[in-house]
Amino acid sequence: MKKTLKTMKKTLFAVLVCFIFQLSAQIPEAQKYICPPCGSQCDEEVHDKPGVCSHCNMVLIRKDLSKTIAFYLQDGVEVLDFAGPMEVFSYAGYDVFTVSKDKAPIKSQGILTVTPDYSIADAPDADILAFFGGNARAAFTDESVIKWIKKQEDVQFHFSVCTGAFVLAEAGILDGKTATTFHNALDGLENSYPMVDVRKDVRFVDNGNVITTAGISAGIDGALHLVAKLQGLNAAKRTAYYMEYDNWVPGDGLILSEDNPYQIQRINLEEFTGSYESKDPNEIVLEVVDGDLQAKIDGVSYPIYHETGDLFTDVGNEPIYFEREAGALIGYRLEPAGQLFKKLN
């Protein structure tokens, strides 16, 4: 009898797992959400709505918007050149891996030892190829590296920070395009590659599928801009908030592409300001700060991002549904049919 019950339990468990798998498979790609890769079991989980991963507290992203990014690193690469964008892309939910000419450990600025995940001989395909400064000459004067770059036919975007632009220029990717680089290398890029229109007064240049940035910290701006292009401005704002990159100025670069993520419809946020009830005993005060709605809770401010109509999302990408009566705001809900938290004034 015990064996029979145990067998029945195993069968029911297998059926349940199969049902969940089939249900997940039936969800359209645009409605599937995954956790940004973090090396934990949650990397394999698929969710049917946005929110925050219960395992690692990372914001879930749409599966169809996830990208793989190859970071090419050479010995002597600048730490912040690649570490800044790596932080951005990792939090935004992209699968980042490192590539070098071979798999031998490299030294970043003579301090940090990095062991590449792949060599150019075995690196998998990537949606985005990224190159960085700090002894970039070792990359752009290496014929085998340039050949490897030219063989990557399915790349959707090329991205460079600092003198990483020289690698793209040497591979011919910047021919006929506008670009920028580290301030001390601008003249060198202009003189060495006359087919490139070099700009000397911008943080980044967006040609559409090729983005180059100025030196070091500017790589963070360029990476946030690429996230905004791919996932929308609010995703980039959430990433900047998570990183506490308070001085980020969205769109502070030369944008030559048509897909400008900053050309969005503005609404009057002032009508949403005021005091509201909340799940906690304390009230929530909404106010407009630097062009965004912010909720002040227990003296701490949290940004709230407008999506469409009266729908907003919080820093964890959870929806906030504001409600009206006769055109006037009366409160908000955290679920479409959930409790109404009233507007107090």
C-alpha atoms as a PDB file:
ATOM      1  CA  MET A   1       0.000   0.000   0.000  1.00  0.00           C
ATOM      2  CA  LYS A   2       2.819   2.414   0.937  1.00  0.00           C
ATOM      3  CA  LYS A   3       4.619   1.657  -2.340  1.00  0.00           C
ATOM      4  CA  THR A   4       1.391   2.292  -4.256  1.00  0.00           C
ATOM      5  CA  LEU A   5       0.882   5.667  -2.566  1.00  0.00           C
ATOM      6  CA  LYS A   6       4.511   6.601  -3.179  1.00  0.00           C
ATOM      7  CA  THR A   7       4.156   5.672  -6.858  1.00  0.00           C
ATOM      8  CA  MET A   8       0.942   7.717  -7.145  1.00  0.00           C
ATOM      9  CA  LYS A   9       2.648  10.750  -5.598  1.00  0.00           C
ATOM     10  CA  LYS A  10       5.566  10.483  -8.033  1.00  0.00           C
ATOM     11  CA  THR A  11       3.138  10.202 -10.955  1.00  0.00           C
ATOM     12  CA  LEU A  12       1.109  13.195  -9.827  1.00  0.00           C
ATOM     13  CA  PHE A  13       4.303  15.220  -9.319  1.00  0.00           C
ATOM     14  CA  ALA A  14       5.519  14.335 -12.834  1.00  0.00           C
ATOM     15  CA  VAL A  15       2.149  15.304 -14.329  1.00  0.00           C
ATOM     16  CA  LEU A  16       2.204  18.612 -12.433  1.00  0.00           C
ATOM     17  CA  VAL A  17       5.730  19.432 -13.623  1.00  0.00           C
ATOM     18  CA  CYS A  18       4.759  18.564 -17.197  1.00  0.00           C
ATOM     19  CA  PHE A  19       1.623  20.740 -16.945  1.00  0.00           C
ATOM     20  CA  ILE A  20       3.603  23.721 -15.626  1.00  0.00           C
ATOM     21  CA  PHE A  21       6.196  23.288 -18.389  1.00  0.00           C
ATOM     22  CA  GLN A  22       3.479  23.139 -21.070  1.00  0.00           C
ATOM     23  CA  LEU A  23       1.718  26.150 -19.585  1.00  0.00           C
ATOM     24  CA  SER A  24       4.976  28.113 -19.615  1.00  0.00           C
ATOM     25  CA  ALA A  25       5.618  27.103 -23.207  1.00  0.00           C
ATOM     26  CA  GLN A  26       2.186  28.385 -24.242  1.00  0.00           C
ATOM     27  CA  ILE A  27       2.858  31.882 -22.913  1.00  0.00           C
ATOM     28  CA  PRO A  28       3.784  34.210 -25.811  1.00  0.00           C
ATOM     29  CA  GLU A  29       7.449  35.286 -25.763  1.00  0.00           C
ATOM     30  CA  ALA A  30       6.458  38.912 -25.171  1.00  0.00           C
ATOM     31  CA  GLN A  31       4.668  37.821 -21.964  1.00  0.00           C
ATOM     32  CA  LYS A  32       7.464  35.662 -20.538  1.00  0.00           C
ATOM     33  CA  TYR A  33       9.715  37.187 -17.891  1.00  0.00           C
ATOM     34  CA  ILE A  34      13.049  35.906 -16.664  1.00  0.00           C
ATOM     35  CA  CYS A  35      15.553  36.757 -13.967  1.00  0.00           C
ATOM     36  CA  PRO A  36      18.794  38.472 -15.036  1.00  0.00           C
ATOM     37  CA  PRO A  37      21.524  35.778 -15.038  1.00  0.00           C
ATOM     38  CA  CYS A  38      22.961  35.499 -11.528  1.00  0.00           C
ATOM     39  CA  GLY A  39      24.247  31.921 -11.420  1.00  0.00           C
ATOM     40  CA  SER A  40      21.449  30.673  -9.170  1.00  0.00           C
ATOM     41  CA  GLN A  41      18.536  28.292  -9.723  1.00  0.00           C
ATOM     42  CA  CYS A  42      16.291  31.246 -10.556  1.00  0.00           C
ATOM     43  CA  ASP A  43      18.135  31.638 -13.885  1.00  0.00           C
ATOM     44  CA  GLU A  44      15.999  28.762 -15.200  1.00  0.00           C
ATOM     45  CA  GLU A  45      12.628  30.078 -14.003  1.00  0.00           C
ATOM     46  CA  VAL A  46      10.087  31.658 -16.362  1.00  0.00           C
ATOM     47  CA  HIS A  47       7.383  34.008 -15.061  1.00  0.00           C
ATOM     48  CA  ASP A  48       4.147  35.175 -16.667  1.00  0.00           C
ATOM     49  CA  LYS A  49       4.268  38.777 -15.429  1.00  0.00           C
ATOM     50  CA  PRO A  50       6.807  41.462 -14.500  1.00  0.00           C
ATOM     51  CA  GLY A  51       8.056  41.923 -10.970  1.00  0.00           C
ATOM     52  CA  VAL A  52      11.015  41.055  -8.752  1.00  0.00           C
ATOM     53  CA  CYS A  53      12.724  37.663  -8.488  1.00  0.00           C
ATOM     54  CA  SER A  54      11.923  36.139  -5.100  1.00  0.00           C
ATOM     55  CA  HIS A  55      15.363  34.483  -4.960  1.00  0.00           C
ATOM     56  CA  CYS A  56      17.795  37.284  -5.830  1.00  0.00           C
ATOM     57  CA  ASN A  57      15.556  40.413  -5.756  1.00  0.00           C
ATOM     58  CA  MET A  58      16.508  41.372  -9.321  1.00  0.00           C
ATOM     59  CA  VAL A  59      13.904  42.997 -11.561  1.00  0.00           C
ATOM     60  CA  LEU A  60      12.459  40.484 -14.035  1.00  0.00           C
ATOM     61  CA  ILE A  61      12.744  41.317 -17.736  1.00  0.00           C
ATOM     62  CA  ARG A  62      10.851  40.221 -20.812  1.00  0.00           C
ATOM     63  CA  LYS A  63      12.498  37.109 -22.206  1.00  0.00           C
ATOM     64  CA  ASP A  64      12.259  38.325 -25.805  1.00  0.00           C
ATOM     65  CA  LEU A  65      14.239  41.459 -24.877  1.00  0.00           C
ATOM     66  CA  SER A  66      17.137  39.580 -23.309  1.00  0.00           C
ATOM     67  CA  LYS A  67      20.458  39.841 -25.177  1.00  0.00           C
ATOM     68  CA  THR A  68      23.806  38.095 -25.095  1.00  0.00           C
ATOM     69  CA  ILE A  69      26.784  40.449 -24.978  1.00  0.00           C
ATOM     70  CA  ALA A  70      30.410  39.534 -25.652  1.00  0.00           C
ATOM     71  CA  PHE A  71      32.910  41.765 -23.828  1.00  0.00           C
ATOM     72  CA  TYR A  72      36.252  41.549 -25.609  1.00  0.00           C
ATOM     73  CA  LEU A  73      39.010  42.216 -23.063  1.00  0.00           C
ATOM     74  CA  GLN A  74      42.710  42.634 -23.741  1.00  0.00           C
ATOM     75  CA  ASP A  75      45.573  42.656 -21.263  1.00  0.00           C
ATOM     76  CA  GLY A  76      45.726  46.095 -19.632  1.00  0.00           C
ATOM     77  CA  VAL A  77      42.048  46.909 -20.213  1.00  0.00           C
ATOM     78  CA  GLU A  78      40.696  49.786 -18.103  1.00  0.00           C
ATOM     79  CA  VAL A  79      38.648  48.506 -15.158  1.00  0.00           C
ATOM     80  CA  LEU A  80      35.757  50.978 -15.258  1.00  0.00           C
ATOM     81  CA  ASP A  81      35.659  50.893 -19.060  1.00  0.00           C
ATOM     82  CA  PHE A  82      34.196  47.391 -18.933  1.00  0.00           C
ATOM     83  CA  ALA A  83      33.028  47.078 -15.301  1.00  0.00           C
ATOM     84  CA  GLY A  84      30.647  50.058 -15.539  1.00  0.00           C
ATOM     85  CA  PRO A  85      28.766  48.790 -18.627  1.00  0.00           C
ATOM     86  CA  MET A  86      28.922  45.244 -17.231  1.00  0.00           C
ATOM     87  CA  GLU A  87      27.018  46.416 -14.151  1.00  0.00           C
ATOM     88  CA  VAL A  88      24.433  48.140 -16.353  1.00  0.00           C
ATOM     89  CA  PHE A  89      23.889  45.226 -18.722  1.00  0.00           C
ATOM     90  CA  SER A  90      23.870  42.646 -15.939  1.00  0.00           C
ATOM     91  CA  TYR A  91      21.152  44.417 -13.956  1.00  0.00           C
ATOM     92  CA  ALA A  92      19.181  45.072 -17.153  1.00  0.00           C
ATOM     93  CA  GLY A  93      19.007  41.307 -17.625  1.00  0.00           C
ATOM     94  CA  TYR A  94      21.515  40.599 -20.379  1.00  0.00           C
ATOM     95  CA  ASP A  95      23.781  37.574 -20.499  1.00  0.00           C
ATOM     96  CA  VAL A  96      27.327  39.000 -20.490  1.00  0.00           C
ATOM     97  CA  PHE A  97      30.414  36.889 -21.145  1.00  0.00           C
ATOM     98  CA  THR A  98      34.074  37.784 -21.619  1.00  0.00           C
ATOM     99  CA  VAL A  99      36.268  36.956 -24.596  1.00  0.00           C
ATOM    100  CA  SER A 100      39.976  37.473 -25.219  1.00  0.00           C
ATOM    101  CA  LYS A 101      42.484  36.326 -27.823  1.00  0.00           C
ATOM    102  CA  ASP A 102      43.085  33.260 -25.697  1.00  0.00           C
ATOM    103  CA  LYS A 103      41.959  32.093 -22.263  1.00  0.00           C
ATOM    104  CA  ALA A 104      45.090  33.169 -20.435  1.00  0.00           C
ATOM    105  CA  PRO A 105      44.359  35.419 -17.417  1.00  0.00           C
ATOM    106  CA  ILE A 106      44.719  39.141 -18.154  1.00  0.00           C
ATOM    107  CA  LYS A 107      45.566  42.037 -15.850  1.00  0.00           C
ATOM    108  CA  SER A 108      43.264  45.045 -15.824  1.00  0.00           C
ATOM    109  CA  GLN A 109      45.328  48.159 -15.072  1.00  0.00           C
ATOM    110  CA  GLY A 110      47.942  45.893 -13.536  1.00  0.00           C
ATOM    111  CA  ILE A 111      45.637  45.251 -10.569  1.00  0.00           C
ATOM    112  CA  LEU A 112      42.644  43.058 -11.329  1.00  0.00           C
ATOM    113  CA  THR A 113      43.149  39.572 -12.747  1.00  0.00           C
ATOM    114  CA  VAL A 114      40.419  38.440 -15.127  1.00  0.00           C
ATOM    115  CA  THR A 115      40.122  34.968 -16.599  1.00  0.00           C
ATOM    116  CA  PRO A 116      38.207  35.200 -19.911  1.00  0.00           C
ATOM    117  CA  ASP A 117      35.243  32.893 -20.373  1.00  0.00           C
ATOM    118  CA  TYR A 118      36.169  32.197 -23.985  1.00  0.00           C
ATOM    119  CA  SER A 119      38.863  32.733 -26.571  1.00  0.00           C
ATOM    120  CA  ILE A 120      38.197  34.006 -30.086  1.00  0.00           C
ATOM    121  CA  ALA A 121      38.526  30.378 -31.179  1.00  0.00           C
ATOM    122  CA  ASP A 122      35.549  29.083 -29.181  1.00  0.00           C
ATOM    123  CA  ALA A 123      33.426  32.122 -28.268  1.00  0.00           C
ATOM    124  CA  PRO A 124      29.697  31.629 -28.956  1.00  0.00           C
ATOM    125  CA  ASP A 125      27.690  34.034 -31.094  1.00  0.00           C
ATOM    126  CA  ALA A 126      26.510  37.219 -29.393  1.00  0.00           C
ATOM    127  CA  ASP A 127      23.817  39.794 -30.102  1.00  0.00           C
ATOM    128  CA  ILE A 128      26.152  42.616 -29.045  1.00  0.00           C
ATOM    129  CA  LEU A 129      29.942  42.939 -29.323  1.00  0.00           C
ATOM    130  CA  ALA A 130      31.638  45.376 -26.921  1.00  0.00           C
ATOM    131  CA  PHE A 131      35.215  46.711 -26.898  1.00  0.00           C
ATOM    132  CA  PHE A 132      37.061  48.783 -24.325  1.00  0.00           C
ATOM    133  CA  GLY A 133      40.071  51.014 -23.816  1.00  0.00           C
ATOM    134  CA  GLY A 134      43.244  50.427 -21.889  1.00  0.00           C
ATOM    135  CA  ASN A 135      45.979  49.006 -24.124  1.00  0.00           C
ATOM    136  CA  ALA A 136      43.427  48.808 -26.960  1.00  0.00           C
ATOM    137  CA  ARG A 137      46.353  48.734 -29.391  1.00  0.00           C
ATOM    138  CA  ALA A 138      46.907  45.107 -28.389  1.00  0.00           C
ATOM    139  CA  ALA A 139      43.495  44.358 -29.901  1.00  0.00           C
ATOM    140  CA  PHE A 140      43.279  46.619 -32.941  1.00  0.00           C
ATOM    141  CA  THR A 141      46.769  45.766 -34.212  1.00  0.00           C
ATOM    142  CA  ASP A 142      46.178  42.024 -33.880  1.00  0.00           C
ATOM    143  CA  GLU A 143      45.131  40.638 -37.265  1.00  0.00           C
ATOM    144  CA  SER A 144      43.536  37.523 -35.765  1.00  0.00           C
ATOM    145  CA  VAL A 145      41.285  39.624 -33.500  1.00  0.00           C
ATOM    146  CA  ILE A 146      40.162  41.850 -36.388  1.00  0.00           C
ATOM    147  CA  LYS A 147      39.428  38.782 -38.526  1.00  0.00           C
ATOM    148  CA  TRP A 148      37.338  37.341 -35.694  1.00  0.00           C
ATOM    149  CA  ILE A 149      35.309  40.557 -35.462  1.00  0.00           C
ATOM    150  CA  LYS A 150      34.663  40.609 -39.207  1.00  0.00           C
ATOM    151  CA  LYS A 151      33.394  37.011 -39.101  1.00  0.00           C
ATOM    152  CA  GLN A 152      30.613  37.869 -36.623  1.00  0.00           C
ATOM    153  CA  GLU A 153      27.723  38.197 -39.085  1.00  0.00           C
ATOM    154  CA  ASP A 154      24.677  38.129 -36.798  1.00  0.00           C
ATOM    155  CA  VAL A 155      25.703  40.946 -34.440  1.00  0.00           C
ATOM    156  CA  GLN A 156      22.843  43.367 -33.792  1.00  0.00           C
ATOM    157  CA  PHE A 157      24.903  46.103 -32.098  1.00  0.00           C
ATOM    158  CA  HIS A 158      28.555  47.111 -31.799  1.00  0.00           C
ATOM    159  CA  PHE A 159      29.488  49.028 -28.666  1.00  0.00           C
ATOM    160  CA  SER A 160      32.754  50.646 -27.591  1.00  0.00           C
ATOM    161  CA  VAL A 161      34.078  52.612 -24.653  1.00  0.00           C
ATOM    162  CA  CYS A 162      37.114  54.884 -24.739  1.00  0.00           C
ATOM    163  CA  THR A 163      39.812  53.714 -27.177  1.00  0.00           C
ATOM    164  CA  GLY A 164      37.791  50.584 -27.874  1.00  0.00           C
ATOM    165  CA  ALA A 165      36.565  52.706 -30.803  1.00  0.00           C
ATOM    166  CA  PHE A 166      39.911  52.047 -32.509  1.00  0.00           C
ATOM    167  CA  VAL A 167      39.065  48.331 -32.631  1.00  0.00           C
ATOM    168  CA  LEU A 168      35.778  49.050 -34.403  1.00  0.00           C
ATOM    169  CA  ALA A 169      37.506  51.508 -36.725  1.00  0.00           C
ATOM    170  CA  GLU A 170      40.210  49.007 -37.663  1.00  0.00           C
ATOM    171  CA  ALA A 171      37.537  46.403 -38.436  1.00  0.00           C
ATOM    172  CA  GLY A 172      35.829  48.893 -40.782  1.00  0.00           C
ATOM    173  CA  ILE A 173      32.692  49.075 -38.672  1.00  0.00           C
ATOM    174  CA  LEU A 174      32.976  52.860 -38.230  1.00  0.00           C
ATOM    175  CA  ASP A 175      33.551  53.621 -41.930  1.00  0.00           C
ATOM    176  CA  GLY A 176      31.151  56.380 -42.967  1.00  0.00           C
ATOM    177  CA  LYS A 177      29.858  56.739 -39.430  1.00  0.00           C
ATOM    178  CA  THR A 178      30.190  59.265 -36.622  1.00  0.00           C
ATOM    179  CA  ALA A 179      32.089  58.270 -33.491  1.00  0.00           C
ATOM    180  CA  THR A 180      33.823  59.467 -30.366  1.00  0.00           C
ATOM    181  CA  THR A 181      36.503  58.165 -28.010  1.00  0.00           C
ATOM    182  CA  PHE A 182      38.671  59.101 -25.011  1.00  0.00           C
ATOM    183  CA  HIS A 183      39.552  62.812 -25.016  1.00  0.00           C
ATOM    184  CA  ASN A 184      43.298  62.185 -25.331  1.00  0.00           C
ATOM    185  CA  ALA A 185      42.737  59.899 -28.333  1.00  0.00           C
ATOM    186  CA  LEU A 186      40.310  61.991 -30.402  1.00  0.00           C
ATOM    187  CA  ASP A 187      42.977  63.408 -32.728  1.00  0.00           C
ATOM    188  CA  GLY A 188      44.545  59.982 -33.142  1.00  0.00           C
ATOM    189  CA  LEU A 189      41.221  58.436 -34.194  1.00  0.00           C
ATOM    190  CA  GLU A 190      40.548  61.286 -36.608  1.00  0.00           C
ATOM    191  CA  ASN A 191      43.999  61.177 -38.202  1.00  0.00           C
ATOM    192  CA  SER A 192      44.257  57.382 -38.422  1.00  0.00           C
ATOM    193  CA  TYR A 193      40.762  56.760 -39.793  1.00  0.00           C
ATOM    194  CA  PRO A 194      39.714  59.575 -42.165  1.00  0.00           C
ATOM    195  CA  MET A 195      36.483  57.741 -43.103  1.00  0.00           C
ATOM    196  CA  VAL A 196      35.212  58.261 -39.538  1.00  0.00           C
ATOM    197  CA  ASP A 197      33.517  61.535 -38.543  1.00  0.00           C
ATOM    198  CA  VAL A 198      35.039  62.051 -35.086  1.00  0.00           C
ATOM    199  CA  ARG A 199      33.122  64.203 -32.588  1.00  0.00           C
ATOM    200  CA  LYS A 200      35.033  65.779 -29.730  1.00  0.00           C
ATOM    201  CA  ASP A 201      32.333  67.193 -27.482  1.00  0.00           C
ATOM    202  CA  VAL A 202      29.901  64.342 -26.749  1.00  0.00           C
ATOM    203  CA  ARG A 203      29.525  61.597 -24.139  1.00  0.00           C
ATOM    204  CA  PHE A 204      28.388  59.034 -26.698  1.00  0.00           C
ATOM    205  CA  VAL A 205      27.392  58.736 -30.350  1.00  0.00           C
ATOM    206  CA  ASP A 206      24.509  56.526 -31.477  1.00  0.00           C
ATOM    207  CA  ASN A 207      24.562  55.601 -35.178  1.00  0.00           C
ATOM    208  CA  GLY A 208      21.700  53.151 -34.812  1.00  0.00           C
ATOM    209  CA  ASN A 209      23.427  49.790 -34.469  1.00  0.00           C
ATOM    210  CA  VAL A 210      26.850  51.199 -33.541  1.00  0.00           C
ATOM    211  CA  ILE A 211      27.390  53.109 -30.289  1.00  0.00           C
ATOM    212  CA  THR A 212      30.734  54.610 -29.279  1.00  0.00           C
ATOM    213  CA  THR A 213      31.360  56.455 -26.026  1.00  0.00           C
ATOM    214  CA  ALA A 214      33.974  58.773 -24.601  1.00  0.00           C
ATOM    215  CA  GLY A 215      36.322  57.572 -21.867  1.00  0.00           C
ATOM    216  CA  ILE A 216      35.799  55.476 -18.773  1.00  0.00           C
ATOM    217  CA  SER A 217      32.665  56.716 -16.940  1.00  0.00           C
ATOM    218  CA  ALA A 218      31.002  57.692 -20.237  1.00  0.00           C
ATOM    219  CA  GLY A 219      30.659  53.970 -20.915  1.00  0.00           C
ATOM    220  CA  ILE A 220      27.975  53.823 -18.239  1.00  0.00           C
ATOM    221  CA  ASP A 221      26.011  56.529 -20.067  1.00  0.00           C
ATOM    222  CA  GLY A 222      26.317  54.676 -23.354  1.00  0.00           C
ATOM    223  CA  ALA A 223      25.254  51.388 -21.782  1.00  0.00           C
ATOM    224  CA  LEU A 224      22.207  52.986 -20.154  1.00  0.00           C
ATOM    225  CA  HIS A 225      21.353  54.542 -23.518  1.00  0.00           C
ATOM    226  CA  LEU A 226      21.477  51.128 -25.196  1.00  0.00           C
ATOM    227  CA  VAL A 227      19.197  49.700 -22.493  1.00  0.00           C
ATOM    228  CA  ALA A 228      16.786  52.585 -23.145  1.00  0.00           C
ATOM    229  CA  LYS A 229      16.832  51.785 -26.876  1.00  0.00           C
ATOM    230  CA  LEU A 230      16.160  48.099 -26.314  1.00  0.00           C
ATOM    231  CA  GLN A 231      13.812  48.070 -23.319  1.00  0.00           C
ATOM    232  CA  GLY A 232      12.539  51.619 -23.008  1.00  0.00           C
ATOM    233  CA  LEU A 233      13.571  54.631 -20.957  1.00  0.00           C
ATOM    234  CA  ASN A 234      11.977  53.365 -17.748  1.00  0.00           C
ATOM    235  CA  ALA A 235      14.140  50.217 -17.773  1.00  0.00           C
ATOM    236  CA  ALA A 236      17.239  52.414 -18.058  1.00  0.00           C
ATOM    237  CA  LYS A 237      15.988  54.664 -15.252  1.00  0.00           C
ATOM    238  CA  ARG A 238      15.403  51.660 -13.009  1.00  0.00           C
ATOM    239  CA  THR A 239      18.931  50.451 -13.730  1.00  0.00           C
ATOM    240  CA  ALA A 240      20.448  53.863 -12.967  1.00  0.00           C
ATOM    241  CA  TYR A 241      18.423  54.014  -9.737  1.00  0.00           C
ATOM    242  CA  TYR A 242      19.635  50.563  -8.699  1.00  0.00           C
ATOM    243  CA  MET A 243      23.242  51.634  -9.343  1.00  0.00           C
ATOM    244  CA  GLU A 244      22.655  54.922  -7.479  1.00  0.00           C
ATOM    245  CA  TYR A 245      23.942  56.703 -10.578  1.00  0.00           C
ATOM    246  CA  ASP A 246      22.175  59.909  -9.585  1.00  0.00           C
ATOM    247  CA  ASN A 247      24.031  62.179 -12.006  1.00  0.00           C
ATOM    248  CA  TRP A 248      22.935  60.368 -15.149  1.00  0.00           C
ATOM    249  CA  VAL A 249      21.420  62.719 -17.729  1.00  0.00           C
ATOM    250  CA  PRO A 250      19.244  60.648 -20.095  1.00  0.00           C
ATOM    251  CA  GLY A 251      19.981  61.379 -23.740  1.00  0.00           C
ATOM    252  CA  ASP A 252      23.169  63.336 -23.042  1.00  0.00           C
ATOM    253  CA  GLY A 253      24.834  62.252 -26.283  1.00  0.00           C
ATOM    254  CA  LEU A 254      24.670  62.569 -30.060  1.00  0.00           C
ATOM    255  CA  ILE A 255      21.757  60.450 -31.297  1.00  0.00           C
ATOM    256  CA  LEU A 256      21.758  59.990 -35.062  1.00  0.00           C
ATOM    257  CA  SER A 257      19.355  57.040 -35.164  1.00  0.00           C
ATOM    258  CA  GLU A 258      15.597  57.242 -35.596  1.00  0.00           C
ATOM    259  CA  ASP A 259      14.849  55.092 -32.550  1.00  0.00           C
ATOM    260  CA  ASN A 260      15.342  57.850 -30.004  1.00  0.00           C
ATOM    261  CA  PRO A 261      14.043  56.493 -26.670  1.00  0.00           C
ATOM    262  CA  TYR A 262      13.742  59.986 -25.155  1.00  0.00           C
ATOM    263  CA  GLN A 263      11.097  61.263 -27.559  1.00  0.00           C
ATOM    264  CA  ILE A 264       8.169  60.203 -25.429  1.00  0.00           C
ATOM    265  CA  GLN A 265       4.804  61.761 -24.726  1.00  0.00           C
ATOM    266  CA  ARG A 266       4.868  63.897 -21.605  1.00  0.00           C
ATOM    267  CA  ILE A 267       1.925  64.019 -19.225  1.00  0.00           C
ATOM    268  CA  ASN A 268       1.039  66.344 -16.379  1.00  0.00           C
ATOM    269  CA  LEU A 269       2.468  64.567 -13.360  1.00  0.00           C
ATOM    270  CA  GLU A 270       1.369  67.306 -10.972  1.00  0.00           C
ATOM    271  CA  GLU A 271      -2.176  65.969 -10.877  1.00  0.00           C
ATOM    272  CA  PHE A 272      -0.862  62.729  -9.329  1.00  0.00           C
ATOM    273  CA  THR A 273       0.864  64.523  -6.449  1.00  0.00           C
ATOM    274  CA  GLY A 274      -0.544  64.555  -2.930  1.00  0.00           C
ATOM    275  CA  SER A 275      -1.052  62.216   0.018  1.00  0.00           C
ATOM    276  CA  TYR A 276      -2.398  58.671  -0.345  1.00  0.00           C
ATOM    277  CA  GLU A 277      -3.295  55.766   1.878  1.00  0.00           C
ATOM    278  CA  SER A 278      -0.920  52.792   1.836  1.00  0.00           C
ATOM    279  CA  LYS A 279      -0.655  49.211   3.058  1.00  0.00           C
ATOM    280  CA  ASP A 280       1.391  50.506   5.994  1.00  0.00           C
ATOM    281  CA  PRO A 281       0.027  52.811   8.694  1.00  0.00           C
ATOM    282  CA  ASN A 282       1.961  55.766   7.265  1.00  0.00           C
ATOM    283  CA  GLU A 283       0.707  57.785   4.335  1.00  0.00           C
ATOM    284  CA  ILE A 284       2.526  57.999   0.999  1.00  0.00           C
ATOM    285  CA  VAL A 285       3.328  61.430  -0.357  1.00  0.00           C
ATOM    286  CA  LEU A 286       3.754  61.733  -4.122  1.00  0.00           C
ATOM    287  CA  GLU A 287       5.706  64.641  -5.571  1.00  0.00           C
ATOM    288  CA  VAL A 288       7.452  65.520  -8.832  1.00  0.00           C
ATOM    289  CA  VAL A 289      11.253  65.562  -8.629  1.00  0.00           C
ATOM    290  CA  ASP A 290      13.517  66.047 -11.669  1.00  0.00           C
ATOM    291  CA  GLY A 291      10.711  65.222 -14.072  1.00  0.00           C
ATOM    292  CA  ASP A 292       9.647  61.966 -12.411  1.00  0.00           C
ATOM    293  CA  LEU A 293       6.962  61.144  -9.890  1.00  0.00           C
ATOM    294  CA  GLN A 294       8.436  60.107  -6.563  1.00  0.00           C
ATOM    295  CA  ALA A 295       6.841  58.433  -3.571  1.00  0.00           C
ATOM    296  CA  LYS A 296       8.114  59.504  -0.171  1.00  0.00           C
ATOM    297  CA  ILE A 297       7.728  56.738   2.389  1.00  0.00           C
ATOM    298  CA  ASP A 298       9.124  57.148   5.913  1.00  0.00           C
ATOM    299  CA  GLY A 299      11.354  59.958   4.692  1.00  0.00           C
ATOM    300  CA  VAL A 300      12.816  57.948   1.776  1.00  0.00           C
ATOM    301  CA  SER A 301      11.954  58.797  -1.849  1.00  0.00           C
ATOM    302  CA  TYR A 302      11.341  56.128  -4.482  1.00  0.00           C
ATOM    303  CA  PRO A 303      10.793  56.962  -8.175  1.00  0.00           C
ATOM    304  CA  ILE A 304       7.601  55.902  -9.924  1.00  0.00           C
ATOM    305  CA  TYR A 305       7.664  55.669 -13.712  1.00  0.00           C
ATOM    306  CA  HIS A 306       4.834  56.533 -16.078  1.00  0.00           C
ATOM    307  CA  GLU A 307       3.989  53.789 -18.582  1.00  0.00           C
ATOM    308  CA  THR A 308       0.744  54.725 -20.308  1.00  0.00           C
ATOM    309  CA  GLY A 309      -2.475  56.496 -19.336  1.00  0.00           C
ATOM    310  CA  ASP A 310      -2.890  56.165 -15.563  1.00  0.00           C
ATOM    311  CA  LEU A 311      -0.577  53.156 -15.337  1.00  0.00           C
ATOM    312  CA  PHE A 312       2.777  53.554 -13.574  1.00  0.00           C
ATOM    313  CA  THR A 313       5.450  51.118 -12.391  1.00  0.00           C
ATOM    314  CA  ASP A 314       7.670  51.227  -9.331  1.00  0.00           C
ATOM    315  CA  VAL A 315      11.420  50.568  -9.074  1.00  0.00           C
ATOM    316  CA  GLY A 316      10.713  46.833  -9.007  1.00  0.00           C
ATOM    317  CA  ASN A 317       8.657  47.046 -12.231  1.00  0.00           C
ATOM    318  CA  GLU A 318       5.473  46.311 -10.285  1.00  0.00           C
ATOM    319  CA  PRO A 319       2.364  48.046 -11.706  1.00  0.00           C
ATOM    320  CA  ILE A 320       0.500  50.866  -9.965  1.00  0.00           C
ATOM    321  CA  TYR A 321      -3.023  51.507 -11.259  1.00  0.00           C
ATOM    322  CA  PHE A 322      -4.322  55.004 -10.550  1.00  0.00           C
ATOM    323  CA  GLU A 323      -8.089  55.337 -10.583  1.00  0.00           C
ATOM    324  CA  ARG A 324     -10.396  58.207 -11.476  1.00  0.00           C
ATOM    325  CA  GLU A 325     -13.966  59.140 -10.775  1.00  0.00           C
ATOM    326  CA  ALA A 326     -15.598  61.771 -12.965  1.00  0.00           C
ATOM    327  CA  GLY A 327     -12.121  62.558 -14.297  1.00  0.00           C
ATOM    328  CA  ALA A 328     -10.618  63.228 -10.868  1.00  0.00           C
ATOM    329  CA  LEU A 329      -7.984  60.972  -9.291  1.00  0.00           C
ATOM    330  CA  ILE A 330      -9.376  59.151  -6.280  1.00  0.00           C
ATOM    331  CA  GLY A 331      -6.556  56.711  -5.481  1.00  0.00           C
ATOM    332  CA  TYR A 332      -4.550  53.762  -6.743  1.00  0.00           C
ATOM    333  CA  ARG A 333      -4.550  49.982  -6.723  1.00  0.00           C
ATOM    334  CA  LEU A 334      -1.643  47.525  -6.754  1.00  0.00           C
ATOM    335  CA  GLU A 335      -3.785  44.918  -8.519  1.00  0.00           C
ATOM    336  CA  PRO A 336      -6.379  45.650 -11.231  1.00  0.00           C
ATOM    337  CA  ALA A 337      -9.206  44.625  -8.921  1.00  0.00           C
ATOM    338  CA  GLY A 338      -7.322  44.975  -5.649  1.00  0.00           C
ATOM    339  CA  GLN A 339      -7.786  47.293  -2.692  1.00  0.00           C
ATOM    340  CA  LEU A 340      -8.219  50.980  -3.484  1.00  0.00           C
ATOM    341  CA  PHE A 341      -5.821  53.192  -1.546  1.00  0.00           C
ATOM    342  CA  LYS A 342      -7.561  56.552  -1.440  1.00  0.00           C
ATOM    343  CA  LYS A 343      -6.105  59.927  -2.322  1.00  0.00           C
ATOM    344  CA  LEU A 344      -6.276  62.015   0.836  1.00  0.00           C
ATOM    345  CA  ASN A 345      -5.534  65.473  -0.560  1.00  0.00           C
END
